[in-house]
Amino acid sequence: MFIPMPKVLITDNVAAEGIDLLKKHVPVDVKRGLSPEELIATIPGYDALVVRSETKVTEPVISAGGDLKVVARAGIGVDNIDLDAATRAGVAVVNAPIGNTVAAAEHTVALMLALARNVPQAYASMKDGQWQRSAFMGIEVRNKTLGIVGLGRVGSEVARRAASFGMHLIAYDPFVAPDFAARMGVSVMSLDEVLAQADFITLHTPLTAGTTNLISAPQLAKMKPGARLINVARGELVDDDALLEALENEHLAGAALDVFTNEPPGDLPLLKHPRLVATPHLGASTQEAQREVAIEAAEQVLAVLEGKPARNTVNAPFVPPEVHAILAPYVPVASMVGRLLTSMARGQFVGITIRYQGEIAEHNTAILKAAALVGLLGQVSGEAVNMINAPVLAQQRGLQVTEQTSGDSREYASLISATLHTTGDDITVAGTSMRDEPHLVRVNEYWMDVAPSAPYMLFVDNQDQPGIIGAVGTTAGRHNINISFMEVGRIAPRGQAMMVVGLDDPIGEDVLAEIRALPQVDDARVVAM
């Protein structure tokens, strides 16, 4: 039977090295600048699509590509790809998160030096025929404190380069182990401490609901007078209006931006400020980086087309076919356990101990370990976390991962429990699978049975006293927050207890503060599921 060769379509400006690698194995067509309608008309018959940031891979494009097996982004971000539509269609989405790491780190350092020595302003003055040495007095970065917000791949490379300048290095990243940071000469601390102590602050955190406007008016006010801010990560991390105000009132000595909420940013008032250094998203724009990400993306495409797992699959973790059917229902359980630990943790991550009990302990639990780490790191990593790379990412962050097995599980046929060790209090979460869905059955010492079907879950530490359940429900109702379920775990009547409340609506910090202020409530935390 004739089996046609898979075909690859490239629609953006991908480096020749990546194209050449693909052409050694499969037919490749390069058609740049297609309109959305032209792309929809062109995509049928292709098995793979390779893009950068220009092409928008929408649901209609994926639907039209009936033969599509993989969409590759030659770069780290996948904002231009409809991940949900790709997942529903069984199309793997892969990216290239490693190749531009050094380029982004070097551009960060370049902007820091440009800020310190007023390079852009002096250059513009010289081009105008002026000679104003005294107008552009700068500062040395030696002995200055660099605050790094996000100590992932790029943040770590920035730290290594800044150390060679004789800078003092501090960082905010609660999801790396202190020992890992210490080996680079970096002291980890809270965000407020970093803001108060740093002379330069550079952002390298992923964009999530929790990091949008991470640096806004309250955070800018906490920065030391005369500090300088650098953003080569995501434009949405910084509130533009608040930054402009901080520059105008001279609280900040300067800022440098390579990324913007809207790109191109248009007539943005912030761009006109004389102490702002701006570049048009050049973080990955080096010949070396473009070559590396093109090759990396091509390798991912070829792996998928050959039926192999791609190491940077963004939307669907690879589950080896030899995994025993007994383990399959516990993959989402392990992921849920990890996700809850991240959302409920206090303090710096140090390590995680994962325990497998009952029937699942008799099998190779590598896939359950990977799933737990996907849940643990998926919300906080600057790159896509999947079953393939999760253990590597945990190792890179210096997290100690310990596994324990026991054939005995008195409560359930199989049980997965994990303890996250932090510099604050350790926290333990356990889950199992019942009726083919994950169930949360333990948080610390409290046993319960919760099927986390609501989009949000509120965890309330409280004294088991009459009226406390009603008080929490009344507070939620007063703010038009709908409750879908409520479960209570307790050690003894009228003793310490934990209330788990399923919510259909998001809950703000103001409402959480009201709940924490209720009599008999010790703490309250909300988790987005």
Protein backbone atom coordinates (compact mmCIF):
# COMPACT_ATOMS: atom_id res chain seq x y z
CA MET A 1 0.00 0.00 0.00
CA PHE A 2 1.34 3.45 -0.94
CA ILE A 3 1.84 5.72 2.06
CA PRO A 4 2.44 9.35 1.06
CA MET A 5 5.31 11.28 2.62
CA PRO A 6 4.20 13.78 5.27
CA LYS A 7 4.31 17.39 4.09
CA VAL A 8 5.38 20.46 6.05
CA LEU A 9 4.17 24.04 5.53
CA ILE A 10 6.22 26.99 6.81
CA THR A 11 4.43 30.36 6.84
CA ASP A 12 6.80 32.66 8.73
CA ASN A 13 10.43 33.75 8.51
CA VAL A 14 12.13 30.64 9.91
CA ALA A 15 15.92 30.40 9.70
CA ALA A 16 17.31 28.43 6.77
CA GLU A 17 19.04 25.89 9.02
CA GLY A 18 15.70 24.64 10.33
CA ILE A 19 14.19 24.50 6.86
CA ASP A 20 17.18 22.58 5.52
CA LEU A 21 16.93 20.04 8.35
CA LEU A 22 13.28 19.39 7.52
CA LYS A 23 13.98 19.11 3.79
CA LYS A 24 16.44 16.28 4.44
CA HIS A 25 13.54 14.15 5.64
CA VAL A 26 10.20 15.42 4.26
CA PRO A 27 8.79 17.68 1.51
CA VAL A 28 8.61 21.31 2.66
CA ASP A 29 6.72 24.29 1.23
CA VAL A 30 7.53 27.83 2.36
CA LYS A 31 4.64 30.26 1.84
CA ARG A 32 5.11 33.41 3.87
CA GLY A 33 2.66 36.27 4.33
CA LEU A 34 -0.55 34.27 3.86
CA SER A 35 -3.76 36.00 4.92
CA PRO A 36 -6.03 34.08 7.34
CA GLU A 37 -8.29 33.12 4.45
CA GLU A 38 -5.33 32.02 2.31
CA LEU A 39 -3.94 29.92 5.15
CA ILE A 40 -7.27 28.15 5.63
CA ALA A 41 -7.37 27.41 1.89
CA THR A 42 -3.74 26.24 1.85
CA ILE A 43 -3.46 24.06 4.98
CA PRO A 44 -5.43 20.97 3.78
CA GLY A 45 -3.03 18.17 2.87
CA TYR A 46 -0.21 19.28 5.18
CA ASP A 47 0.85 17.17 8.17
CA ALA A 48 2.85 19.88 9.94
CA LEU A 49 2.77 23.66 10.19
CA VAL A 50 5.78 25.69 11.35
CA VAL A 51 5.27 29.31 12.41
CA ARG A 52 6.82 32.08 14.44
CA SER A 53 4.70 34.85 15.98
CA GLU A 54 3.21 36.36 12.81
CA THR A 55 0.90 33.53 11.74
CA LYS A 56 -2.26 33.08 13.84
CA VAL A 57 -3.13 29.39 14.09
CA THR A 58 -6.82 29.68 14.90
CA GLU A 59 -9.54 27.07 15.32
CA PRO A 60 -10.68 27.48 11.68
CA VAL A 61 -7.10 26.87 10.51
CA ILE A 62 -6.82 23.72 12.63
CA SER A 63 -10.23 22.49 11.48
CA ALA A 64 -9.26 23.01 7.85
CA GLY A 65 -6.02 21.08 8.39
CA GLY A 66 -7.57 17.66 8.55
CA ASP A 67 -4.18 15.95 8.12
CA LEU A 68 -2.36 18.09 10.69
CA LYS A 69 -0.40 16.17 13.27
CA VAL A 70 1.78 18.94 14.69
CA VAL A 71 2.05 22.73 14.85
CA ALA A 72 5.51 24.02 15.75
CA ARG A 73 6.40 27.46 17.06
CA ALA A 74 10.00 28.44 16.34
CA GLY A 75 10.31 30.22 19.67
CA ILE A 76 8.97 29.93 23.21
CA GLY A 77 5.58 31.69 23.18
CA VAL A 78 2.50 29.97 21.77
CA ASP A 79 0.02 32.83 22.28
CA ASN A 80 -0.73 32.81 18.54
CA ILE A 81 -1.85 29.16 18.56
CA ASP A 82 -5.28 27.98 19.74
CA LEU A 83 -4.13 25.25 22.13
CA ASP A 84 -7.64 24.08 23.04
CA ALA A 85 -8.62 23.65 19.40
CA ALA A 86 -5.38 21.79 18.67
CA THR A 87 -5.88 19.48 21.64
CA ARG A 88 -9.46 18.70 20.64
CA ALA A 89 -8.27 17.89 17.13
CA GLY A 90 -5.46 15.69 18.39
CA VAL A 91 -2.79 18.02 17.01
CA ALA A 92 0.42 18.29 19.00
CA VAL A 93 1.73 21.80 19.61
CA VAL A 94 5.49 22.03 20.17
CA ASN A 95 7.82 24.95 20.75
CA ALA A 96 11.52 25.77 21.05
CA PRO A 97 12.13 27.23 24.51
CA ILE A 98 15.88 26.78 24.81
CA GLY A 99 17.45 28.31 21.70
CA ASN A 100 16.84 31.96 22.53
CA THR A 101 17.79 31.81 26.23
CA VAL A 102 21.24 33.34 25.86
CA ALA A 103 20.00 35.97 23.41
CA ALA A 104 17.33 37.15 25.87
CA ALA A 105 19.83 37.20 28.75
CA GLU A 106 22.37 39.19 26.77
CA HIS A 107 19.73 41.70 25.65
CA THR A 108 18.73 42.14 29.30
CA VAL A 109 22.33 42.94 30.20
CA ALA A 110 22.59 45.30 27.21
CA LEU A 111 19.54 47.24 28.40
CA MET A 112 20.86 47.36 31.95
CA LEU A 113 24.13 48.89 30.74
CA ALA A 114 22.29 51.28 28.43
CA LEU A 115 20.25 52.47 31.41
CA ALA A 116 23.32 52.83 33.61
CA ARG A 117 25.30 54.88 31.08
CA ASN A 118 22.50 56.72 29.19
CA VAL A 119 23.72 55.23 25.92
CA PRO A 120 20.59 55.84 23.77
CA GLN A 121 20.20 59.44 24.94
CA ALA A 122 23.87 60.24 24.35
CA TYR A 123 23.75 58.63 20.92
CA ALA A 124 20.72 60.72 19.91
CA SER A 125 22.44 63.87 21.16
CA MET A 126 25.55 63.14 19.11
CA LYS A 127 23.45 62.49 16.01
CA ASP A 128 21.95 65.96 16.51
CA GLY A 129 25.45 67.46 16.40
CA GLN A 130 25.68 68.13 20.14
CA TRP A 131 28.51 67.46 22.64
CA GLN A 132 26.97 67.22 26.13
CA ARG A 133 29.25 65.13 28.32
CA SER A 134 27.91 66.49 31.58
CA ALA A 135 24.28 65.85 30.60
CA PHE A 136 24.75 62.08 30.53
CA MET A 137 26.49 61.27 33.79
CA GLY A 138 25.94 57.57 34.47
CA ILE A 139 26.50 55.04 37.23
CA GLU A 140 28.57 51.86 37.48
CA VAL A 141 26.83 48.52 37.89
CA ARG A 142 29.73 47.24 40.01
CA ASN A 143 28.65 46.82 43.65
CA LYS A 144 25.04 47.56 42.71
CA THR A 145 22.25 45.14 43.64
CA LEU A 146 20.42 43.37 40.83
CA GLY A 147 16.97 42.03 41.69
CA ILE A 148 15.89 39.17 39.42
CA VAL A 149 12.18 38.38 39.40
CA GLY A 150 12.00 34.83 38.04
CA LEU A 151 15.06 32.60 38.25
CA GLY A 152 14.28 30.26 35.36
CA ARG A 153 16.42 29.72 32.27
CA VAL A 154 16.78 33.38 31.26
CA GLY A 155 16.91 34.73 34.81
CA SER A 156 19.68 32.27 35.69
CA GLU A 157 21.73 33.27 32.65
CA VAL A 158 21.31 36.94 33.56
CA ALA A 159 22.54 36.15 37.08
CA ARG A 160 25.68 34.45 35.76
CA ARG A 161 26.53 37.43 33.56
CA ALA A 162 25.74 40.02 36.21
CA ALA A 163 28.01 38.23 38.69
CA SER A 164 30.95 38.91 36.38
CA PHE A 165 30.27 42.65 36.76
CA GLY A 166 30.66 42.41 40.53
CA MET A 167 26.95 42.94 41.23
CA HIS A 168 25.14 41.73 44.34
CA LEU A 169 22.43 39.28 43.25
CA ILE A 170 19.04 38.83 44.89
CA ALA A 171 15.94 37.16 43.44
CA TYR A 172 12.26 36.53 43.94
CA ASP A 173 11.12 33.11 42.78
CA PRO A 174 9.27 30.99 45.33
CA PHE A 175 9.44 27.99 43.02
CA VAL A 176 13.19 27.38 43.14
CA ALA A 177 15.18 25.82 45.95
CA PRO A 178 17.36 28.23 47.98
CA ASP A 179 20.37 25.93 47.50
CA PHE A 180 19.96 26.13 43.72
CA ALA A 181 20.01 29.92 43.88
CA ALA A 182 22.89 29.97 46.36
CA ARG A 183 25.09 27.98 43.95
CA MET A 184 24.79 30.92 41.55
CA GLY A 185 25.54 33.42 44.28
CA VAL A 186 21.90 34.55 44.46
CA SER A 187 19.95 35.18 47.66
CA VAL A 188 16.23 34.45 47.41
CA MET A 189 13.77 36.63 49.27
CA SER A 190 10.25 37.99 49.05
CA LEU A 191 9.16 40.28 46.22
CA ASP A 192 8.81 43.21 48.61
CA GLU A 193 12.38 42.68 49.86
CA VAL A 194 13.72 42.54 46.30
CA LEU A 195 11.88 45.73 45.36
CA ALA A 196 13.16 47.57 48.42
CA GLN A 197 16.81 46.54 48.04
CA ALA A 198 17.55 46.37 44.31
CA ASP A 199 19.19 49.13 42.27
CA PHE A 200 18.19 47.33 39.07
CA ILE A 201 15.18 45.03 38.77
CA THR A 202 14.79 42.69 35.81
CA LEU A 203 11.67 40.61 35.10
CA HIS A 204 11.84 37.03 33.86
CA THR A 205 8.60 35.47 35.05
CA PRO A 206 5.94 33.80 32.87
CA LEU A 207 2.67 35.57 32.16
CA THR A 208 -0.16 34.09 34.24
CA ALA A 209 -3.29 35.44 35.88
CA GLY A 210 -1.20 35.98 39.01
CA THR A 211 1.64 37.86 37.28
CA THR A 212 -0.40 40.22 35.09
CA ASN A 213 0.51 43.75 36.27
CA LEU A 214 2.97 42.18 38.68
CA ILE A 215 4.71 45.56 38.73
CA SER A 216 2.06 48.24 39.19
CA ALA A 217 1.70 51.33 41.39
CA PRO A 218 2.04 49.61 44.81
CA GLN A 219 5.12 47.66 43.75
CA LEU A 220 6.75 50.68 42.07
CA ALA A 221 6.26 52.66 45.27
CA LYS A 222 8.18 49.98 47.19
CA MET A 223 11.21 50.23 44.89
CA LYS A 224 14.11 52.25 46.25
CA PRO A 225 14.31 55.83 44.92
CA GLY A 226 16.53 55.98 41.86
CA ALA A 227 16.08 52.31 40.95
CA ARG A 228 15.83 51.13 37.34
CA LEU A 229 13.40 48.56 35.89
CA ILE A 230 14.04 46.21 32.94
CA ASN A 231 11.46 44.00 31.19
CA VAL A 232 12.47 41.57 28.46
CA ALA A 233 9.81 38.97 29.40
CA ARG A 234 6.15 39.88 28.78
CA GLY A 235 4.65 43.34 28.37
CA GLU A 236 1.66 42.54 30.54
CA LEU A 237 3.87 42.15 33.61
CA VAL A 238 4.13 45.95 33.96
CA ASP A 239 1.38 48.55 34.34
CA ASP A 240 2.40 51.15 31.72
CA ASP A 241 0.49 54.04 33.31
CA ALA A 242 1.96 53.38 36.75
CA LEU A 243 5.46 53.13 35.27
CA LEU A 244 5.05 56.43 33.46
CA GLU A 245 3.95 58.09 36.71
CA ALA A 246 6.99 56.66 38.55
CA LEU A 247 9.29 58.09 35.87
CA GLU A 248 7.58 61.47 35.80
CA ASN A 249 7.75 61.95 39.56
CA GLU A 250 11.41 60.83 39.41
CA HIS A 251 10.91 57.95 41.84
CA LEU A 252 12.62 55.76 39.24
CA ALA A 253 15.80 56.86 37.52
CA GLY A 254 14.90 54.95 34.37
CA ALA A 255 13.29 51.94 32.77
CA ALA A 256 14.01 49.72 29.76
CA LEU A 257 11.32 47.77 27.90
CA ASP A 258 11.68 45.26 25.09
CA VAL A 259 8.11 43.96 25.30
CA PHE A 260 4.70 45.60 25.39
CA THR A 261 1.10 44.62 26.08
CA ASN A 262 0.22 45.50 22.48
CA GLU A 263 2.85 45.00 19.80
CA PRO A 264 3.47 47.25 18.05
CA PRO A 265 2.53 49.56 20.96
CA GLY A 266 1.27 52.44 18.81
CA ASP A 267 1.11 55.93 20.27
CA LEU A 268 2.00 54.90 23.82
CA PRO A 269 2.75 57.96 26.02
CA LEU A 270 5.30 55.96 28.01
CA LEU A 271 7.52 55.66 24.92
CA LYS A 272 8.00 59.43 24.79
CA HIS A 273 9.55 59.70 28.26
CA PRO A 274 13.22 60.74 28.03
CA ARG A 275 14.39 58.21 30.66
CA LEU A 276 12.74 55.21 28.98
CA VAL A 277 14.89 52.95 26.79
CA ALA A 278 12.76 50.92 24.37
CA THR A 279 13.50 48.24 21.79
CA PRO A 280 11.00 46.47 19.47
CA HIS A 281 10.95 42.96 21.04
CA LEU A 282 14.56 42.14 20.18
CA GLY A 283 15.19 39.68 23.02
CA ALA A 284 15.44 36.69 20.69
CA SER A 285 16.62 38.62 17.63
CA THR A 286 20.11 37.30 17.11
CA GLN A 287 21.32 35.22 14.21
CA GLU A 288 22.41 32.50 16.61
CA ALA A 289 19.09 32.38 18.46
CA GLN A 290 17.02 32.26 15.29
CA ARG A 291 19.18 29.44 13.96
CA GLU A 292 18.89 27.50 17.23
CA VAL A 293 15.10 27.85 17.60
CA ALA A 294 14.59 26.92 13.94
CA ILE A 295 16.61 23.73 14.38
CA GLU A 296 14.90 22.98 17.69
CA ALA A 297 11.44 23.41 16.16
CA ALA A 298 12.38 21.24 13.17
CA GLU A 299 13.57 18.47 15.47
CA GLN A 300 10.25 18.55 17.32
CA VAL A 301 8.29 18.30 14.06
CA LEU A 302 10.32 15.34 12.81
CA ALA A 303 9.89 13.53 16.13
CA VAL A 304 6.09 13.84 16.00
CA LEU A 305 5.92 12.84 12.33
CA GLU A 306 7.96 9.74 13.16
CA GLY A 307 5.53 8.81 15.93
CA LYS A 308 7.94 9.67 18.73
CA PRO A 309 7.37 11.90 21.76
CA ALA A 310 8.53 15.50 21.28
CA ARG A 311 10.40 16.81 24.32
CA ASN A 312 8.62 20.19 24.25
CA THR A 313 4.99 19.26 23.69
CA VAL A 314 2.90 22.19 24.93
CA ASN A 315 -0.68 20.97 24.86
CA ALA A 316 -0.77 17.24 25.46
CA PRO A 317 1.63 15.22 27.56
CA PHE A 318 2.98 12.06 25.97
CA VAL A 319 1.74 8.86 27.64
CA PRO A 320 3.85 5.83 26.63
CA PRO A 321 1.68 3.05 25.19
CA GLU A 322 3.23 0.45 27.51
CA VAL A 323 1.85 2.18 30.60
CA HIS A 324 -0.38 -0.25 32.39
CA ALA A 325 -4.11 0.54 32.34
CA ILE A 326 -4.14 0.52 36.12
CA LEU A 327 -2.01 3.68 36.21
CA ALA A 328 -3.94 5.69 33.62
CA PRO A 329 -6.74 6.92 35.96
CA TYR A 330 -4.09 8.17 38.42
CA VAL A 331 -2.28 10.47 36.00
CA PRO A 332 -4.87 13.27 36.51
CA VAL A 333 -4.83 12.52 40.25
CA ALA A 334 -1.08 13.09 40.43
CA SER A 335 -1.40 16.28 38.37
CA MET A 336 -4.18 17.56 40.68
CA VAL A 337 -2.06 16.86 43.76
CA GLY A 338 0.87 18.82 42.33
CA ARG A 339 -1.31 21.71 41.23
CA LEU A 340 -2.90 22.04 44.68
CA LEU A 341 0.50 21.99 46.37
CA THR A 342 1.74 24.90 44.25
CA SER A 343 -1.39 26.97 44.88
CA MET A 344 -1.42 26.38 48.63
CA ALA A 345 2.30 26.56 49.41
CA ARG A 346 3.91 29.19 51.59
CA GLY A 347 7.66 29.78 51.37
CA GLN A 348 10.44 28.79 48.97
CA PHE A 349 10.20 25.37 47.35
CA VAL A 350 12.89 22.97 48.58
CA GLY A 351 11.68 19.55 47.49
CA ILE A 352 8.75 17.17 47.14
CA THR A 353 8.14 13.68 48.51
CA ILE A 354 5.64 11.62 46.47
CA ARG A 355 4.14 8.46 47.96
CA TYR A 356 2.33 5.73 46.03
CA GLN A 357 0.21 3.30 48.06
CA GLY A 358 -1.85 0.27 47.12
CA GLU A 359 -2.13 -1.34 43.70
CA ILE A 360 -0.36 1.45 41.80
CA ALA A 361 2.77 0.94 43.94
CA GLU A 362 3.32 -2.44 42.26
CA HIS A 363 4.03 -0.80 38.87
CA ASN A 364 6.54 1.62 37.36
CA THR A 365 5.36 4.97 38.69
CA ALA A 366 7.59 7.18 36.53
CA ILE A 367 4.60 8.58 34.67
CA LEU A 368 2.85 9.46 37.95
CA LYS A 369 5.96 11.28 39.17
CA ALA A 370 6.06 13.23 35.90
CA ALA A 371 2.36 14.09 36.18
CA ALA A 372 2.78 15.37 39.75
CA LEU A 373 5.69 17.58 38.63
CA VAL A 374 3.65 18.88 35.68
CA GLY A 375 0.99 19.96 38.17
CA LEU A 376 3.58 21.42 40.53
CA LEU A 377 5.53 23.44 37.95
CA GLY A 378 3.01 23.99 35.15
CA GLN A 379 1.61 27.21 36.61
CA VAL A 380 4.95 28.80 37.44
CA SER A 381 7.44 27.82 34.76
CA GLY A 382 8.39 30.22 32.01
CA GLU A 383 8.24 27.41 29.47
CA ALA A 384 5.73 24.70 28.69
CA VAL A 385 5.89 21.84 31.20
CA ASN A 386 5.01 18.34 30.04
CA MET A 387 5.51 14.71 31.02
CA ILE A 388 8.82 14.62 29.17
CA ASN A 389 10.55 17.69 30.54
CA ALA A 390 8.98 18.05 34.01
CA PRO A 391 11.65 15.98 35.84
CA VAL A 392 14.41 17.91 34.08
CA LEU A 393 12.85 21.26 34.98
CA ALA A 394 12.53 20.18 38.61
CA GLN A 395 16.21 19.25 38.62
CA GLN A 396 17.17 22.57 37.02
CA ARG A 397 15.31 24.39 39.80
CA GLY A 398 17.22 22.45 42.44
CA LEU A 399 14.12 20.65 43.75
CA GLN A 400 14.81 17.42 45.61
CA VAL A 401 12.29 14.82 44.38
CA THR A 402 11.84 11.74 46.57
CA GLU A 403 9.54 8.80 45.82
CA GLN A 404 8.19 6.25 48.27
CA THR A 405 6.05 3.16 47.60
CA SER A 406 3.95 0.95 49.82
CA GLY A 407 1.65 -1.91 48.89
CA ASP A 408 -0.52 -1.10 51.89
CA SER A 409 -3.38 1.40 51.55
CA ARG A 410 -6.05 0.74 54.12
CA GLU A 411 -8.33 3.58 53.07
CA TYR A 412 -8.31 3.17 49.28
CA ALA A 413 -7.31 0.67 46.61
CA SER A 414 -4.63 3.14 45.51
CA LEU A 415 -3.55 6.49 46.90
CA ILE A 416 -1.14 9.20 45.78
CA SER A 417 0.05 11.63 48.43
CA ALA A 418 2.72 14.28 48.15
CA THR A 419 4.41 16.56 50.66
CA LEU A 420 5.89 19.82 49.41
CA HIS A 421 8.85 20.86 51.54
CA THR A 422 9.37 24.62 51.73
CA THR A 423 11.27 27.12 53.82
CA GLY A 424 7.89 27.80 55.47
CA ASP A 425 5.47 25.07 56.53
CA ASP A 426 5.39 21.76 54.66
CA ILE A 427 2.03 20.86 53.13
CA THR A 428 0.62 17.43 52.26
CA VAL A 429 -2.12 16.66 49.73
CA ALA A 430 -3.47 13.22 48.82
CA GLY A 431 -5.84 12.00 46.13
CA THR A 432 -7.28 8.90 44.54
CA SER A 433 -9.43 7.92 41.58
CA MET A 434 -13.07 6.98 42.04
CA ARG A 435 -15.66 6.57 39.31
CA ASP A 436 -12.99 7.55 36.76
CA GLU A 437 -12.42 11.00 38.23
CA PRO A 438 -9.83 12.45 40.63
CA HIS A 439 -10.84 12.90 44.26
CA LEU A 440 -9.06 15.02 46.83
CA VAL A 441 -9.09 12.99 50.04
CA ARG A 442 -6.58 14.67 52.34
CA VAL A 443 -5.02 18.06 53.07
CA ASN A 444 -2.41 17.86 55.82
CA GLU A 445 -4.03 15.98 58.68
CA TYR A 446 -7.61 16.50 57.48
CA TRP A 447 -9.35 13.65 55.64
CA MET A 448 -12.22 14.45 53.27
CA ASP A 449 -13.70 13.44 49.91
CA VAL A 450 -13.88 16.17 47.28
CA ALA A 451 -14.30 15.78 43.52
CA PRO A 452 -12.85 19.14 42.38
CA SER A 453 -15.47 19.91 39.75
CA ALA A 454 -15.73 23.65 40.47
CA PRO A 455 -13.41 26.14 38.74
CA TYR A 456 -12.27 27.50 42.13
CA MET A 457 -11.81 25.91 45.53
CA LEU A 458 -11.63 27.83 48.80
CA PHE A 459 -9.68 26.19 51.64
CA VAL A 460 -10.52 27.58 55.09
CA ASP A 461 -8.58 26.63 58.23
CA ASN A 462 -10.94 27.17 61.14
CA GLN A 463 -12.18 26.12 64.54
CA ASP A 464 -15.08 23.66 64.27
CA GLN A 465 -17.72 25.86 65.92
CA PRO A 466 -21.44 26.36 65.24
CA GLY A 467 -22.16 29.05 62.67
CA ILE A 468 -18.79 29.15 60.91
CA ILE A 469 -20.02 27.36 57.78
CA GLY A 470 -22.94 29.77 57.54
CA ALA A 471 -20.68 32.78 58.04
CA VAL A 472 -18.45 31.77 55.13
CA GLY A 473 -21.47 31.08 52.93
CA THR A 474 -23.06 34.41 53.85
CA THR A 475 -19.86 36.29 52.99
CA ALA A 476 -19.66 34.59 49.60
CA GLY A 477 -23.33 35.26 48.91
CA ARG A 478 -23.02 38.93 49.82
CA HIS A 479 -20.44 39.25 47.03
CA ASN A 480 -22.53 37.25 44.52
CA ILE A 481 -20.15 34.28 44.60
CA ASN A 482 -21.97 31.02 43.95
CA ILE A 483 -21.07 27.94 46.02
CA SER A 484 -21.26 24.57 44.26
CA PHE A 485 -20.27 22.30 47.16
CA MET A 486 -18.87 22.33 50.68
CA GLU A 487 -16.90 19.65 52.52
CA VAL A 488 -15.43 19.71 56.04
CA GLY A 489 -12.55 17.67 57.35
CA ARG A 490 -11.91 17.72 61.08
CA ILE A 491 -9.83 15.95 63.67
CA ALA A 492 -12.36 16.07 66.50
CA PRO A 493 -15.70 17.83 67.19
CA ARG A 494 -15.19 21.53 68.01
CA GLY A 495 -11.49 21.21 67.29
CA GLN A 496 -9.34 22.26 64.35
CA ALA A 497 -10.98 21.74 60.95
CA MET A 498 -10.61 22.52 57.27
CA MET A 499 -13.52 23.63 55.13
CA VAL A 500 -13.30 23.10 51.35
CA VAL A 501 -15.75 25.20 49.38
CA GLY A 502 -16.30 24.83 45.63
CA LEU A 503 -16.93 28.17 43.92
CA ASP A 504 -18.39 28.91 40.49
CA ASP A 505 -17.00 32.45 40.53
CA PRO A 506 -13.56 33.96 41.21
CA ILE A 507 -12.96 35.40 44.66
CA GLY A 508 -10.92 38.55 45.16
CA GLU A 509 -8.42 39.44 47.85
CA ASP A 510 -10.93 41.76 49.48
CA VAL A 511 -13.39 38.90 49.98
CA LEU A 512 -10.63 36.61 51.21
CA ALA A 513 -9.69 39.28 53.75
CA GLU A 514 -13.30 39.34 55.02
CA ILE A 515 -13.31 35.55 55.40
CA ARG A 516 -9.96 35.57 57.21
CA ALA A 517 -11.36 38.19 59.59
CA LEU A 518 -14.29 35.96 60.63
CA PRO A 519 -14.23 34.61 64.19
CA GLN A 520 -12.76 31.10 64.41
CA VAL A 521 -11.09 31.43 60.95
CA ASP A 522 -7.30 31.00 61.04
CA ASP A 523 -6.56 31.27 57.33
CA ALA A 524 -8.18 31.06 53.89
CA ARG A 525 -6.66 30.29 50.49
CA VAL A 526 -8.23 29.98 47.07
CA VAL A 527 -7.08 27.68 44.26
CA ALA A 528 -8.01 28.06 40.60
CA MET A 529 -8.59 24.58 39.19
